[in-house]
Protein backbone atom coordinates (compact mmCIF):
# COMPACT_ATOMS: atom_id res chain seq x y z
CA MET A 1 -21.89 1.08 10.36
CA ARG A 2 -23.76 4.77 11.22
CA ILE A 3 -22.47 4.56 14.74
CA ALA A 4 -19.37 4.26 13.70
CA ASN A 5 -19.40 7.00 11.48
CA THR A 6 -21.02 9.59 14.03
CA SER A 7 -18.24 8.47 16.30
CA PHE A 8 -15.63 9.44 13.59
CA ILE A 9 -17.38 12.95 13.03
CA LEU A 10 -17.03 13.52 16.86
CA ILE A 11 -13.68 11.95 17.36
CA ILE A 12 -12.71 15.11 14.19
CA ILE A 13 -14.56 18.10 15.80
CA ILE A 14 -12.70 17.51 19.04
CA LEU A 15 -9.59 17.68 17.68
CA PHE A 16 -10.04 20.32 15.49
CA TYR A 17 -11.48 22.11 18.83
CA LEU A 18 -8.25 20.56 21.00
CA ALA A 19 -5.63 21.83 18.46
CA PHE A 20 -6.55 25.64 18.91
CA PRO A 21 -5.44 27.05 22.51
CA THR A 22 -6.57 30.42 23.45
CA GLN A 23 -4.04 33.35 23.64
CA SER A 24 -2.91 32.74 27.02
CA SER A 25 -2.27 28.70 26.58
CA ALA A 26 -0.30 28.82 23.45
CA GLN A 27 3.60 28.49 23.84
CA GLY A 28 5.98 28.10 21.68
CA TRP A 29 6.36 28.76 17.65
CA TRP A 30 3.85 25.88 16.99
CA TYR A 31 1.28 25.03 19.62
CA GLY A 32 -0.70 22.61 17.83
CA ALA A 33 -2.25 21.21 14.82
CA ALA A 34 -5.31 19.06 13.60
CA THR A 35 -4.82 17.42 9.95
CA TYR A 36 -7.59 15.22 8.22
CA GLN A 37 -5.98 12.51 6.44
CA VAL A 38 -6.98 10.30 3.54
CA SER A 39 -4.58 7.15 3.57
CA LEU A 40 -3.19 4.55 1.25
CA PRO A 41 -3.07 0.77 2.22
CA LEU A 42 0.76 -1.09 1.30
CA GLY A 43 2.02 -4.43 1.70
CA ASP A 44 0.74 -6.89 4.15
CA THR A 45 -2.07 -3.75 5.07
CA LYS A 46 -2.79 -3.64 1.66
CA ASP A 47 -3.03 -7.49 1.42
CA PHE A 48 -5.87 -7.35 4.23
CA THR A 49 -7.32 -4.40 3.49
CA ASN A 50 -6.96 -3.19 -0.45
CA LYS A 51 -9.08 -0.21 -0.20
CA VAL A 52 -8.10 3.70 0.02
CA SER A 53 -8.97 4.93 3.49
CA TRP A 54 -11.09 8.23 3.72
CA ARG A 55 -11.29 8.52 7.69
CA GLY A 56 -8.17 9.23 9.33
CA VAL A 57 -7.46 12.13 11.64
CA GLY A 58 -4.01 13.28 13.41
CA LEU A 59 -3.06 15.54 16.16
CA ASP A 60 0.09 17.53 16.78
CA PHE A 61 1.65 19.21 19.42
CA ARG A 62 4.98 20.88 18.68
CA LYS A 63 7.45 23.55 20.62
CA GLU A 64 9.95 25.27 19.31
CA MET A 65 13.68 24.53 19.81
CA ASN A 66 14.78 26.86 17.95
CA SER A 67 13.46 29.09 14.31
CA ASN A 68 14.19 26.55 12.49
CA THR A 69 13.38 23.41 14.51
CA THR A 70 10.65 21.62 16.76
CA LEU A 71 10.10 18.98 18.95
CA GLY A 72 6.87 17.16 19.77
CA LEU A 73 3.84 14.32 20.21
CA TYR A 74 1.73 13.35 17.31
CA PHE A 75 -1.58 11.57 18.29
CA GLY A 76 -3.63 9.75 14.43
CA TRP A 77 -6.10 7.51 14.44
CA ASN A 78 -6.69 5.60 10.40
CA VAL A 79 -9.39 2.98 9.65
CA PHE A 80 -8.95 0.76 6.55
CA HIS A 81 -12.05 -1.16 5.47
CA GLU A 82 -12.95 -4.04 2.98
CA ARG A 83 -15.77 -5.99 2.39
CA THR A 84 -15.08 -8.35 -0.09
CA ALA A 85 -15.67 -12.53 -1.08
CA ASP A 86 -12.02 -13.42 -1.99
CA THR A 87 -10.27 -16.32 -1.28
CA ILE A 88 -8.59 -15.74 1.23
CA ASP A 89 -5.14 -18.72 1.20
CA ASN A 90 -2.45 -19.35 4.19
CA LEU A 91 -4.76 -18.73 6.65
CA GLU A 92 -4.61 -19.75 10.25
CA PHE A 93 -7.89 -19.55 12.78
CA ASP A 94 -8.11 -21.65 15.67
CA GLY A 95 -4.40 -23.25 15.04
CA ASN A 96 -5.71 -24.53 11.92
CA PRO A 97 -4.59 -23.83 8.28
CA GLY A 98 -6.47 -23.51 5.23
CA ALA A 99 -8.27 -21.22 3.05
CA ILE A 100 -12.05 -19.27 3.51
CA THR A 101 -14.30 -18.02 1.05
CA GLY A 102 -17.38 -16.17 1.49
CA LEU A 103 -18.32 -12.63 2.07
CA GLN A 104 -16.15 -10.98 4.70
CA ASP A 105 -15.20 -7.58 6.33
CA ARG A 106 -12.02 -6.60 7.03
CA THR A 107 -10.96 -3.92 9.55
CA ILE A 108 -8.06 -2.36 11.01
CA ASN A 109 -8.03 0.55 13.10
CA SER A 110 -4.04 2.24 13.44
CA PHE A 111 -3.88 4.84 16.32
CA PRO A 112 -0.09 5.86 15.87
CA ILE A 113 1.69 7.66 19.47
CA MET A 114 4.75 8.88 18.34
CA LEU A 115 7.76 11.69 19.73
CA THR A 116 8.43 13.99 16.86
CA GLY A 117 11.04 16.16 15.32
CA HIS A 118 10.56 18.55 12.39
CA LYS A 119 12.66 20.96 10.64
CA TYR A 120 12.02 23.78 8.74
CA PHE A 121 13.00 25.91 5.65
CA GLY A 122 11.95 29.69 4.72
CA GLN A 123 11.29 32.46 7.07
CA GLN A 124 8.79 32.60 9.72
CA GLY A 125 5.31 34.45 8.50
CA SER A 126 6.33 33.27 4.88
CA THR A 127 5.26 29.66 3.07
CA ARG A 128 7.79 26.83 4.56
CA LEU A 129 8.85 23.40 3.67
CA PHE A 130 9.25 20.71 6.30
CA LEU A 131 11.03 17.82 6.97
CA GLY A 132 10.19 15.75 10.01
CA LEU A 133 11.10 11.95 11.36
CA ASN A 134 8.35 10.64 13.77
CA ALA A 135 9.02 7.38 15.76
CA GLY A 136 7.15 5.41 18.38
CA GLY A 137 4.28 3.03 17.55
CA PHE A 138 0.63 1.92 16.88
CA ILE A 139 -2.11 0.32 18.77
CA MET A 140 -3.37 -1.24 16.00
CA LYS A 141 -6.43 -3.01 16.14
CA GLN A 142 -8.15 -5.88 13.73
CA ARG A 143 -11.33 -7.55 13.07
CA PHE A 144 -11.69 -10.14 10.55
CA GLU A 145 -15.59 -11.44 10.44
CA ILE A 146 -17.30 -13.96 7.97
CA GLY A 147 -20.78 -15.64 8.50
CA ILE A 148 -21.23 -15.69 12.38
CA ARG A 149 -17.64 -15.75 13.28
CA ALA A 150 -15.36 -12.62 13.99
CA TYR A 151 -11.88 -13.03 15.20
CA ASP A 152 -10.00 -9.77 16.89
CA LYS A 153 -6.91 -9.00 17.62
CA SER A 154 -5.05 -5.55 19.63
CA GLN A 155 -1.61 -5.13 20.17
CA TRP A 156 1.26 -2.98 20.45
CA GLN A 157 4.11 -2.60 17.74
CA TRP A 158 6.92 0.13 17.55
CA GLY A 159 7.07 2.05 14.73
CA GLY A 160 7.89 5.20 13.03
CA ALA A 161 6.82 7.67 9.66
CA PRO A 162 8.97 9.86 8.17
CA GLU A 163 6.90 12.78 7.10
CA ILE A 164 7.11 15.61 4.15
CA GLY A 165 4.55 18.79 3.92
CA ALA A 166 4.19 22.55 4.24
CA VAL A 167 2.74 25.18 5.97
CA VAL A 168 1.03 28.61 4.65
CA PRO A 169 0.33 32.00 6.47
CA VAL A 170 -3.91 31.95 5.67
CA GLY A 171 -4.40 34.60 9.01
CA TYR A 172 -3.52 35.78 12.39
CA SER A 173 -1.62 33.23 14.22
CA THR A 174 -3.31 30.73 11.92
CA LEU A 175 -1.48 27.86 9.26
CA LEU A 176 -3.19 26.15 6.62
CA VAL A 177 -1.03 22.84 7.03
CA ILE A 178 -0.54 20.47 4.21
CA ASN A 179 1.49 16.62 4.79
CA ALA A 180 2.26 13.68 3.49
CA LYS A 181 3.78 10.56 5.61
CA PHE A 182 4.66 7.36 5.25
CA TYR A 183 3.97 4.71 8.50
CA TYR A 184 5.93 1.64 8.88
CA ALA A 185 5.11 -0.59 12.22
CA LEU A 186 7.76 -3.51 12.55
CA THR A 187 6.40 -7.18 12.36
CA GLY A 188 3.49 -8.00 14.18
CA ASP A 189 1.13 -10.83 14.39
CA SER A 190 -2.35 -11.00 11.99
CA VAL A 191 -5.32 -11.83 13.05
CA ALA A 192 -5.57 -14.34 9.72
CA GLY A 193 -2.31 -15.76 11.31
CA GLY A 194 1.17 -15.28 10.83
CA SER A 195 3.14 -11.61 11.00
CA ALA A 196 2.16 -8.85 9.00
CA ASN A 197 4.31 -5.39 8.97
CA GLN A 198 1.26 -3.27 8.94
CA SER A 199 2.33 -0.04 6.15
CA TYR A 200 0.15 2.75 4.45
CA LEU A 201 0.60 6.11 3.02
CA THR A 202 -1.75 9.56 4.45
CA PHE A 203 -2.01 12.38 3.02
CA GLY A 204 -2.82 15.13 5.07
CA VAL A 205 -4.88 18.69 5.22
CA GLY A 206 -5.45 20.66 8.39
CA LEU A 207 -4.96 23.92 10.40
CA ALA A 208 -2.56 25.10 12.68
CA TRP A 209 -1.73 27.74 15.61
CA GLU A 210 1.09 29.44 16.02
CA GLN A 211 1.73 32.24 18.60
């Protein structure tokens, strides 16, 4: 777990470094933004890992289409983990249905990769609210550990994430970013057997570079 936490911190540092280009490389109204995210599991995600996640980062690259609209790319990483001894019903490990009771570690690593579109309200140089739609998919990695047994599943799932937020000028060419996103992945398979619609809500805060 210590190695995982160290890797997570390192990724945060790298993302913030990438999000702030030099003046000569910046293009468009908003070049990039990096956010730290707290995630709340919902639906099938909550059934598997019912813990608020404090490990999440996002990286936006946006290009101005006009003064109130941007198109871009989004990359993220959200980690959910729970250690529990609850009984799990309706399982299907190794093709055998049943239930399991015992100390378990349940983990989901979600990597959203999406195209984005955002609409802004207000004048440049002032606080602006925005609405956005992110569409693409997720690399979804699930892991279930109990006793000496471990089960892994990795898959691509299509999905999207509506978004609401605000940008606040805090200094020369620098903005404070606050946002909330609802992520929803279309039906995939659960590591515990059966289908699973992964979904979660994130609350993010970070910094952006404005040309």
